[in-house]
Amino acid sequence: MISTGGSPWRNRKLWSLAIAETLSWAGLFYVFPALLLKWHEWFQWGIAELSIGFTLALIASAIIGMIAGRIIDSGNSQKLMTLSVIIGALLLSLLPMVTMLWQFYLVWLLIGCCLAGCLYDPCFSYITRTFQADAKNSIIMITLIAGFASTISYPLCTLITDLYDWKTTIYLLTVILCFIAGPLFWYGTSIEPAGWHSSDKDNKTSVAKVVKPALYSPVFWGLLMTFAAFSSNQGMIVSQIFPLLESREISSGMTVFFASCIGPMQVVARLILFATETFGNRDIPILGVCLASLICLCLSSLALAVGGTSLILVVLFVIFQGGPYGLFSIVRPVITAEMLGRVNFGLLSSMVMMGSLWGSAFAPGIAGSIADRWNYDTVLITTSSIAAFGVIILMVTSTLQRKSPFNLG
């Protein structure tokens, strides 16, 4: 058995898992916004029409997420995450063969099923199940590395597409995911959970006995709506990041640069949190981190909406958008464990994460429709309002949690 008490930075299997997550996000998630304009030019389909494909992928991910959570609770994370990224890569390789819009939708719908098994949500459920109360540091470590996924995806996709074409980019990503990410997932998820024999009792709990108390709990619904606000905001921004920045009269080269900076901003925010807690000997309340992140997301969209083509406000937008969402990756599993507990965490986590996934799922289509019908200023006002709504919901949820804590029993 591998000790879970040491530093995650010295654990080779966690490094493997972190790199696999980075490649999965780059190749299966960020590839969509990275190639959205290329597909628009190639297929001659509207931005809003194409964005529906991403929406379908995230809807499928939300639905399949509960099944993935139960698989993780049963101790089969290794097979789930490895097969998910490989099958997702093979489905990605079908995109160059697409000739009709329904085929494009079908491919992304199936890719969405694979996202449920290999992105952050299943990974952090596995980490929480494995490391229990010590999971936070491992989650921070993984997000610090995987935060560079968009930084890798955007320039790589742009470079290969400019040198060759978008189809070559897809085939390259398929090879990387199958032959690098897949084996890394297999090795990285081979850590035996501490006390796994005793946790088997948790796995025998029927789904109904986990689902029913959650559905009757206002704390559960409050978290779900908070996560939905977070992901709706980010989903609308990320899915439209290239046309959004170009609407600020920014050149194509600078658009790629600023879009690629959102990832590093996520990493910077995580580093600040890590350094503050590690070297400052402080345990920052996760609720405070969550509230501050939502407020920054609200201000981020407002800055870009009122700033017009101001380069300074574009920079502030990138900082305030990337940093808070980087912290959200850490906040989600930690605050879920604090408010809902760690018993049957895989299933409970996947249930409450449905708010996040559904928010992400509908965000691209809604943002594309708003942009087509009105303009990108309206998109920014919408994202700012969603973040403000999240602040209110989280404050109410925190109050309810203190008065009536969630109890699975």
Protein backbone atom coordinates (compact mmCIF):
# COMPACT_ATOMS: atom_id res chain seq x y z
CA MET A 1 0.00 0.00 0.00
CA ILE A 2 1.23 3.49 -0.90
CA SER A 3 1.21 6.04 1.86
CA THR A 4 -1.14 8.93 1.31
CA GLY A 5 0.34 11.13 3.94
CA GLY A 6 3.49 12.35 2.08
CA SER A 7 3.95 15.34 -0.19
CA PRO A 8 2.04 14.92 -3.48
CA TRP A 9 4.98 16.54 -5.30
CA ARG A 10 7.08 13.44 -4.57
CA ASN A 11 4.46 10.97 -5.76
CA ARG A 12 5.24 9.78 -9.30
CA LYS A 13 1.75 8.39 -9.76
CA LEU A 14 0.18 11.75 -8.98
CA TRP A 15 2.53 13.35 -11.51
CA SER A 16 1.35 10.82 -14.09
CA LEU A 17 -2.27 11.58 -13.25
CA ALA A 18 -1.64 15.34 -13.48
CA ILE A 19 -0.03 15.06 -16.93
CA ALA A 20 -2.82 12.77 -18.14
CA GLU A 21 -5.40 15.32 -16.98
CA THR A 22 -3.52 18.11 -18.78
CA LEU A 23 -3.54 16.18 -22.05
CA SER A 24 -7.18 15.15 -21.66
CA TRP A 25 -8.36 18.69 -21.12
CA ALA A 26 -6.20 19.95 -24.00
CA GLY A 27 -7.27 17.23 -26.44
CA LEU A 28 -10.91 16.57 -25.60
CA PHE A 29 -12.20 19.83 -24.12
CA TYR A 30 -10.22 22.88 -25.23
CA VAL A 31 -9.93 21.54 -28.76
CA PHE A 32 -13.51 22.68 -29.36
CA PRO A 33 -13.02 26.43 -28.74
CA ALA A 34 -9.55 26.20 -30.32
CA LEU A 35 -10.94 24.91 -33.64
CA LEU A 36 -14.40 26.50 -33.54
CA LEU A 37 -13.61 29.22 -36.10
CA LYS A 38 -11.79 26.73 -38.34
CA TRP A 39 -14.86 24.49 -38.38
CA HIS A 40 -17.03 27.52 -39.07
CA GLU A 41 -14.94 28.30 -42.16
CA TRP A 42 -14.64 24.67 -43.30
CA PHE A 43 -18.23 23.45 -42.86
CA GLN A 44 -19.93 26.82 -43.39
CA TRP A 45 -22.15 26.17 -40.37
CA GLY A 46 -23.03 28.96 -37.94
CA ILE A 47 -21.18 29.49 -34.65
CA ALA A 48 -24.40 28.86 -32.75
CA GLU A 49 -25.04 25.63 -34.69
CA LEU A 50 -21.53 24.35 -34.03
CA SER A 51 -21.74 25.31 -30.35
CA ILE A 52 -24.68 22.94 -29.93
CA GLY A 53 -22.19 20.09 -30.44
CA PHE A 54 -20.28 21.19 -27.35
CA THR A 55 -23.56 21.55 -25.48
CA LEU A 56 -24.52 17.97 -26.35
CA ALA A 57 -21.12 16.73 -25.17
CA LEU A 58 -21.53 18.38 -21.79
CA ILE A 59 -25.13 17.20 -21.41
CA ALA A 60 -23.97 13.63 -22.06
CA SER A 61 -21.15 14.14 -19.54
CA ALA A 62 -23.65 15.31 -16.90
CA ILE A 63 -25.93 12.32 -17.44
CA ILE A 64 -23.15 9.72 -17.51
CA GLY A 65 -21.40 11.41 -14.56
CA MET A 66 -23.54 9.61 -11.97
CA ILE A 67 -22.65 6.25 -13.48
CA ALA A 68 -18.98 7.25 -13.45
CA GLY A 69 -19.27 8.27 -9.79
CA ARG A 70 -20.70 4.90 -8.85
CA ILE A 71 -17.92 3.13 -10.77
CA ILE A 72 -15.35 5.14 -8.79
CA ASP A 73 -17.07 4.24 -5.49
CA SER A 74 -16.79 0.58 -6.50
CA GLY A 75 -13.00 0.91 -6.90
CA ASN A 76 -12.76 0.75 -10.72
CA SER A 77 -11.29 4.20 -11.35
CA GLN A 78 -8.30 2.81 -13.23
CA LYS A 79 -10.33 1.12 -15.96
CA LEU A 80 -12.84 3.97 -16.15
CA MET A 81 -10.35 6.79 -16.67
CA THR A 82 -8.01 4.90 -18.99
CA LEU A 83 -10.72 3.59 -21.30
CA SER A 84 -12.57 6.92 -21.28
CA VAL A 85 -9.62 8.91 -22.64
CA ILE A 86 -8.73 6.29 -25.27
CA ILE A 87 -12.29 5.88 -26.55
CA GLY A 88 -12.71 9.66 -26.49
CA ALA A 89 -9.58 10.01 -28.65
CA LEU A 90 -10.85 7.46 -31.18
CA LEU A 91 -14.16 9.30 -31.41
CA LEU A 92 -12.27 12.58 -31.92
CA SER A 93 -10.52 11.02 -34.92
CA LEU A 94 -13.92 10.64 -36.61
CA LEU A 95 -14.42 14.42 -36.93
CA PRO A 96 -12.46 14.73 -40.21
CA MET A 97 -14.90 12.22 -41.76
CA VAL A 98 -17.95 14.29 -40.84
CA THR A 99 -19.95 15.74 -43.73
CA MET A 100 -23.30 16.54 -42.11
CA LEU A 101 -24.26 18.51 -39.01
CA TRP A 102 -26.03 15.59 -37.31
CA GLN A 103 -22.83 13.53 -37.62
CA PHE A 104 -20.89 16.34 -35.93
CA TYR A 105 -23.44 16.35 -33.11
CA LEU A 106 -23.33 12.57 -32.72
CA VAL A 107 -19.54 12.48 -32.43
CA TRP A 108 -19.54 15.18 -29.74
CA LEU A 109 -22.40 13.52 -27.90
CA LEU A 110 -20.35 10.33 -27.62
CA ILE A 111 -17.19 12.24 -26.71
CA GLY A 112 -19.22 13.79 -23.89
CA CYS A 113 -19.84 10.33 -22.43
CA CYS A 114 -16.06 9.88 -22.28
CA LEU A 115 -15.53 13.30 -20.64
CA ALA A 116 -17.53 12.01 -17.67
CA GLY A 117 -14.84 9.40 -17.08
CA CYS A 118 -11.55 11.26 -17.50
CA LEU A 119 -11.75 14.97 -16.63
CA TYR A 120 -11.54 16.71 -13.23
CA ASP A 121 -14.76 15.39 -11.67
CA PRO A 122 -13.91 11.66 -11.81
CA CYS A 123 -10.25 12.42 -11.08
CA PHE A 124 -11.02 14.39 -7.91
CA SER A 125 -13.58 11.82 -6.79
CA TYR A 126 -10.83 9.23 -7.10
CA ILE A 127 -8.36 11.47 -5.24
CA THR A 128 -10.86 12.16 -2.43
CA ARG A 129 -11.69 8.46 -2.10
CA THR A 130 -7.99 7.61 -2.04
CA PHE A 131 -6.56 10.34 0.19
CA GLN A 132 -9.66 11.20 2.29
CA ALA A 133 -8.97 14.31 4.45
CA ASP A 134 -5.53 14.74 2.82
CA ALA A 135 -7.01 15.12 -0.67
CA LYS A 136 -6.80 18.92 -0.88
CA ASN A 137 -3.03 19.14 -1.44
CA SER A 138 -3.13 16.45 -4.13
CA ILE A 139 -5.99 18.26 -5.89
CA ILE A 140 -4.05 21.54 -5.80
CA MET A 141 -0.98 19.80 -7.22
CA ILE A 142 -2.94 18.29 -10.14
CA THR A 143 -4.74 21.54 -10.95
CA LEU A 144 -1.47 23.49 -10.90
CA ILE A 145 -0.15 21.30 -13.70
CA ALA A 146 -3.39 20.72 -15.63
CA GLY A 147 -4.06 24.46 -15.59
CA PHE A 148 -1.73 24.70 -18.57
CA ALA A 149 -4.09 22.62 -20.74
CA SER A 150 -5.53 25.59 -22.63
CA THR A 151 -2.04 27.10 -22.92
CA ILE A 152 -0.98 23.92 -24.70
CA SER A 153 -4.15 23.39 -26.72
CA TYR A 154 -4.72 26.86 -28.24
CA PRO A 155 -1.21 27.52 -29.64
CA LEU A 156 -0.69 23.87 -30.66
CA CYS A 157 -4.00 23.66 -32.51
CA THR A 158 -3.41 27.04 -34.16
CA LEU A 159 0.16 26.17 -35.20
CA ILE A 160 -0.57 22.72 -36.63
CA THR A 161 -3.71 23.95 -38.39
CA ASP A 162 -1.81 26.86 -39.97
CA LEU A 163 1.06 24.61 -41.07
CA TYR A 164 -1.16 21.79 -42.33
CA ASP A 165 -4.91 21.77 -41.62
CA TRP A 166 -7.35 21.14 -38.76
CA LYS A 167 -7.70 17.46 -39.69
CA THR A 168 -3.98 16.90 -39.08
CA THR A 169 -4.41 18.59 -35.70
CA ILE A 170 -7.17 16.14 -34.80
CA TYR A 171 -5.11 13.11 -35.78
CA LEU A 172 -2.11 14.36 -33.77
CA LEU A 173 -4.28 14.83 -30.68
CA THR A 174 -5.71 11.34 -31.14
CA VAL A 175 -2.22 9.80 -31.07
CA ILE A 176 -1.22 11.83 -27.98
CA LEU A 177 -4.35 10.86 -26.06
CA CYS A 178 -4.20 7.15 -26.95
CA PHE A 179 -0.50 6.52 -26.49
CA ILE A 180 0.48 9.03 -23.80
CA ALA A 181 -2.58 10.04 -21.76
CA GLY A 182 -4.06 6.52 -21.67
CA PRO A 183 -0.99 4.77 -20.18
CA LEU A 184 -0.44 7.68 -17.77
CA PHE A 185 -3.99 7.32 -16.46
CA TRP A 186 -3.48 3.58 -15.97
CA TYR A 187 -0.31 4.12 -13.95
CA GLY A 188 -1.54 7.21 -12.09
CA THR A 189 -4.74 5.59 -10.83
CA SER A 190 -3.00 2.52 -9.42
CA ILE A 191 -2.67 4.04 -5.93
CA GLU A 192 -4.40 1.78 -3.42
CA PRO A 193 -6.74 3.82 -1.19
CA ALA A 194 -5.84 3.96 2.48
CA GLY A 195 -8.24 1.79 4.45
CA TRP A 196 -9.92 0.50 1.29
CA HIS A 197 -11.18 -2.64 3.01
CA SER A 198 -13.28 -0.60 5.44
CA SER A 199 -14.59 1.61 2.66
CA ASP A 200 -16.22 -1.38 0.97
CA LYS A 201 -19.16 -0.99 3.37
CA ASP A 202 -19.83 2.43 1.89
CA ASN A 203 -19.99 0.95 -1.59
CA LYS A 204 -22.79 -1.43 -0.56
CA THR A 205 -25.10 1.49 0.24
CA SER A 206 -27.93 1.48 -2.27
CA VAL A 207 -28.18 4.35 -4.71
CA ALA A 208 -31.61 5.28 -3.34
CA LYS A 209 -30.24 5.72 0.20
CA VAL A 210 -27.70 8.19 -1.14
CA VAL A 211 -29.86 10.02 -3.67
CA LYS A 212 -33.00 10.56 -1.56
CA PRO A 213 -31.39 12.49 1.36
CA ALA A 214 -29.48 14.63 -1.15
CA LEU A 215 -32.57 15.57 -3.14
CA TYR A 216 -34.36 16.62 0.07
CA SER A 217 -31.42 18.74 1.26
CA PRO A 218 -31.39 22.51 0.53
CA VAL A 219 -27.61 22.39 1.03
CA PHE A 220 -27.30 19.99 -1.90
CA TRP A 221 -29.42 22.21 -4.16
CA GLY A 222 -27.57 25.32 -3.05
CA LEU A 223 -24.23 23.79 -3.97
CA LEU A 224 -25.63 22.55 -7.26
CA MET A 225 -26.85 26.03 -8.24
CA THR A 226 -23.57 27.63 -7.11
CA PHE A 227 -21.58 25.25 -9.28
CA ALA A 228 -23.99 25.88 -12.16
CA ALA A 229 -23.34 29.64 -11.88
CA PHE A 230 -19.56 29.09 -11.88
CA SER A 231 -19.60 26.82 -14.92
CA SER A 232 -22.20 28.79 -16.89
CA ASN A 233 -20.04 31.87 -16.60
CA GLN A 234 -16.85 30.08 -17.63
CA GLY A 235 -18.57 27.95 -20.29
CA MET A 236 -20.00 31.00 -22.04
CA ILE A 237 -16.63 32.76 -21.97
CA VAL A 238 -14.40 29.83 -22.99
CA SER A 239 -16.65 28.55 -25.78
CA GLN A 240 -16.72 32.02 -27.38
CA ILE A 241 -13.27 33.25 -26.33
CA PHE A 242 -11.89 33.77 -29.86
CA PRO A 243 -14.84 35.64 -31.42
CA LEU A 244 -15.35 37.44 -28.07
CA LEU A 245 -11.81 38.85 -28.03
CA GLU A 246 -11.90 39.60 -31.75
CA SER A 247 -15.03 41.69 -31.10
CA ARG A 248 -12.75 43.95 -29.02
CA GLU A 249 -10.82 44.71 -32.27
CA ILE A 250 -7.85 42.58 -31.21
CA SER A 251 -5.66 40.99 -33.90
CA SER A 252 -5.73 37.22 -34.47
CA GLY A 253 -2.25 36.81 -32.99
CA MET A 254 -3.08 38.75 -29.84
CA THR A 255 -6.38 36.88 -29.54
CA VAL A 256 -4.51 33.57 -29.41
CA PHE A 257 -2.08 35.09 -26.89
CA PHE A 258 -4.76 36.39 -24.52
CA ALA A 259 -6.86 33.22 -24.82
CA SER A 260 -3.77 31.16 -24.00
CA CYS A 261 -3.09 33.32 -20.92
CA ILE A 262 -6.32 32.28 -19.20
CA GLY A 263 -4.77 28.89 -18.35
CA PRO A 264 -1.65 30.35 -16.72
CA MET A 265 -3.84 32.74 -14.73
CA GLN A 266 -5.58 29.68 -13.30
CA VAL A 267 -2.19 28.31 -12.30
CA VAL A 268 -1.08 31.63 -10.78
CA ALA A 269 -4.20 31.77 -8.58
CA ARG A 270 -3.64 28.19 -7.42
CA LEU A 271 0.02 28.97 -6.68
CA ILE A 272 -1.00 31.97 -4.58
CA LEU A 273 -3.40 29.78 -2.59
CA PHE A 274 -0.78 27.04 -2.25
CA ALA A 275 1.97 29.47 -1.18
CA THR A 276 -0.30 31.28 1.28
CA GLU A 277 -1.33 28.06 3.01
CA THR A 278 2.08 26.37 2.86
CA PHE A 279 4.50 29.19 3.64
CA GLY A 280 2.10 31.48 5.46
CA ASN A 281 0.96 28.66 7.77
CA ARG A 282 -2.67 29.61 7.15
CA ASP A 283 -5.67 27.46 6.33
CA ILE A 284 -7.82 29.73 4.20
CA PRO A 285 -11.56 28.96 4.53
CA ILE A 286 -12.74 27.36 1.30
CA LEU A 287 -16.04 29.26 1.52
CA GLY A 288 -14.16 32.57 1.42
CA VAL A 289 -12.16 31.41 -1.61
CA CYS A 290 -15.39 30.46 -3.38
CA LEU A 291 -17.13 33.78 -2.68
CA ALA A 292 -14.09 35.82 -3.73
CA SER A 293 -13.83 33.83 -6.96
CA LEU A 294 -17.45 34.49 -7.93
CA ILE A 295 -17.08 38.21 -7.23
CA CYS A 296 -13.98 38.38 -9.44
CA LEU A 297 -15.80 36.57 -12.27
CA CYS A 298 -18.59 39.14 -12.01
CA LEU A 299 -16.11 42.04 -12.21
CA SER A 300 -14.19 40.38 -15.04
CA SER A 301 -17.11 40.41 -17.48
CA LEU A 302 -18.11 43.93 -16.42
CA ALA A 303 -14.59 45.21 -17.08
CA LEU A 304 -14.56 43.89 -20.64
CA ALA A 305 -18.14 45.03 -21.31
CA VAL A 306 -17.58 48.64 -20.27
CA GLY A 307 -13.97 48.82 -21.44
CA GLY A 308 -14.63 48.52 -25.15
CA THR A 309 -11.27 48.03 -26.88
CA SER A 310 -9.14 49.11 -23.89
CA LEU A 311 -6.09 46.82 -23.76
CA ILE A 312 -5.70 47.33 -19.99
CA LEU A 313 -9.22 46.10 -19.32
CA VAL A 314 -8.67 43.12 -21.62
CA VAL A 315 -5.68 42.20 -19.46
CA LEU A 316 -7.80 42.61 -16.30
CA PHE A 317 -10.45 40.43 -17.90
CA VAL A 318 -7.95 37.63 -18.52
CA ILE A 319 -6.61 37.84 -14.94
CA PHE A 320 -10.00 38.01 -13.23
CA GLN A 321 -11.50 35.32 -15.47
CA GLY A 322 -8.67 32.81 -15.37
CA GLY A 323 -7.63 33.10 -11.73
CA PRO A 324 -11.01 32.55 -10.03
CA TYR A 325 -11.98 29.67 -12.26
CA GLY A 326 -8.63 28.08 -11.51
CA LEU A 327 -9.54 28.15 -7.83
CA PHE A 328 -12.98 26.72 -8.60
CA SER A 329 -11.34 23.44 -9.65
CA ILE A 330 -10.04 23.13 -6.09
CA VAL A 331 -13.14 24.55 -4.44
CA ARG A 332 -15.64 22.09 -5.95
CA PRO A 333 -14.41 18.81 -4.46
CA VAL A 334 -13.26 20.35 -1.17
CA ILE A 335 -16.44 22.29 -0.40
CA THR A 336 -18.53 19.29 -1.51
CA ALA A 337 -16.68 17.05 0.95
CA GLU A 338 -17.06 19.63 3.73
CA MET A 339 -20.79 20.18 3.20
CA LEU A 340 -21.93 16.71 2.04
CA GLY A 341 -19.31 14.43 3.65
CA ARG A 342 -16.97 11.81 2.17
CA VAL A 343 -19.17 8.70 2.46
CA ASN A 344 -20.17 7.57 -1.05
CA PHE A 345 -18.35 10.65 -2.27
CA GLY A 346 -18.15 9.50 -5.89
CA LEU A 347 -21.92 9.37 -6.29
CA LEU A 348 -22.66 12.48 -4.21
CA SER A 349 -19.97 14.44 -5.99
CA SER A 350 -21.25 13.43 -9.43
CA MET A 351 -24.78 14.40 -8.39
CA VAL A 352 -23.89 17.89 -7.18
CA MET A 353 -21.49 18.34 -10.10
CA MET A 354 -24.47 17.97 -12.43
CA GLY A 355 -25.11 21.65 -11.74
CA SER A 356 -21.63 22.42 -13.01
CA LEU A 357 -21.95 20.13 -16.01
CA TRP A 358 -25.43 21.30 -16.98
CA GLY A 359 -24.25 24.89 -16.64
CA SER A 360 -21.32 24.18 -18.94
CA ALA A 361 -23.56 22.21 -21.29
CA PHE A 362 -26.07 24.97 -22.00
CA ALA A 363 -23.57 27.83 -21.83
CA PRO A 364 -22.00 27.49 -25.33
CA GLY A 365 -25.35 27.32 -27.12
CA ILE A 366 -26.81 30.19 -25.11
CA ALA A 367 -23.72 32.35 -25.59
CA GLY A 368 -23.67 31.64 -29.33
CA SER A 369 -27.36 32.49 -29.64
CA ILE A 370 -27.00 35.73 -27.66
CA ALA A 371 -24.01 36.75 -29.79
CA ASP A 372 -25.84 36.00 -33.04
CA ARG A 373 -29.05 37.75 -31.98
CA TRP A 374 -27.49 40.73 -30.18
CA ASN A 375 -23.73 41.14 -29.60
CA TYR A 376 -20.86 40.13 -27.33
CA ASP A 377 -21.50 43.01 -24.92
CA THR A 378 -24.80 41.31 -24.11
CA VAL A 379 -22.93 38.04 -23.57
CA LEU A 380 -20.64 39.76 -21.05
CA ILE A 381 -23.54 41.37 -19.17
CA THR A 382 -25.16 37.93 -18.97
CA THR A 383 -22.03 36.24 -17.59
CA SER A 384 -21.58 39.00 -15.01
CA SER A 385 -25.18 38.60 -13.82
CA ILE A 386 -24.79 34.83 -13.52
CA ALA A 387 -21.72 35.23 -11.30
CA ALA A 388 -23.56 37.73 -9.08
CA PHE A 389 -26.42 35.23 -8.74
CA GLY A 390 -23.88 32.60 -7.65
CA VAL A 391 -22.63 34.87 -4.84
CA ILE A 392 -26.14 35.22 -3.43
CA ILE A 393 -26.91 31.49 -3.65
CA LEU A 394 -23.65 30.50 -1.96
CA MET A 395 -24.23 32.89 0.96
CA VAL A 396 -27.73 31.45 1.48
CA THR A 397 -26.39 27.87 1.25
CA SER A 398 -23.71 28.57 3.83
CA THR A 399 -26.35 29.86 6.25
CA LEU A 400 -28.53 26.79 5.67
CA GLN A 401 -25.56 24.48 6.21
CA ARG A 402 -24.87 26.00 9.63
CA LYS A 403 -28.52 25.71 10.68
CA SER A 404 -29.25 22.26 9.22
CA PRO A 405 -26.12 20.24 8.23
CA PHE A 406 -26.47 17.59 5.53
CA ASN A 407 -26.87 14.06 6.95
CA LEU A 408 -26.73 11.01 4.68
CA GLY A 409 -28.26 8.88 7.37
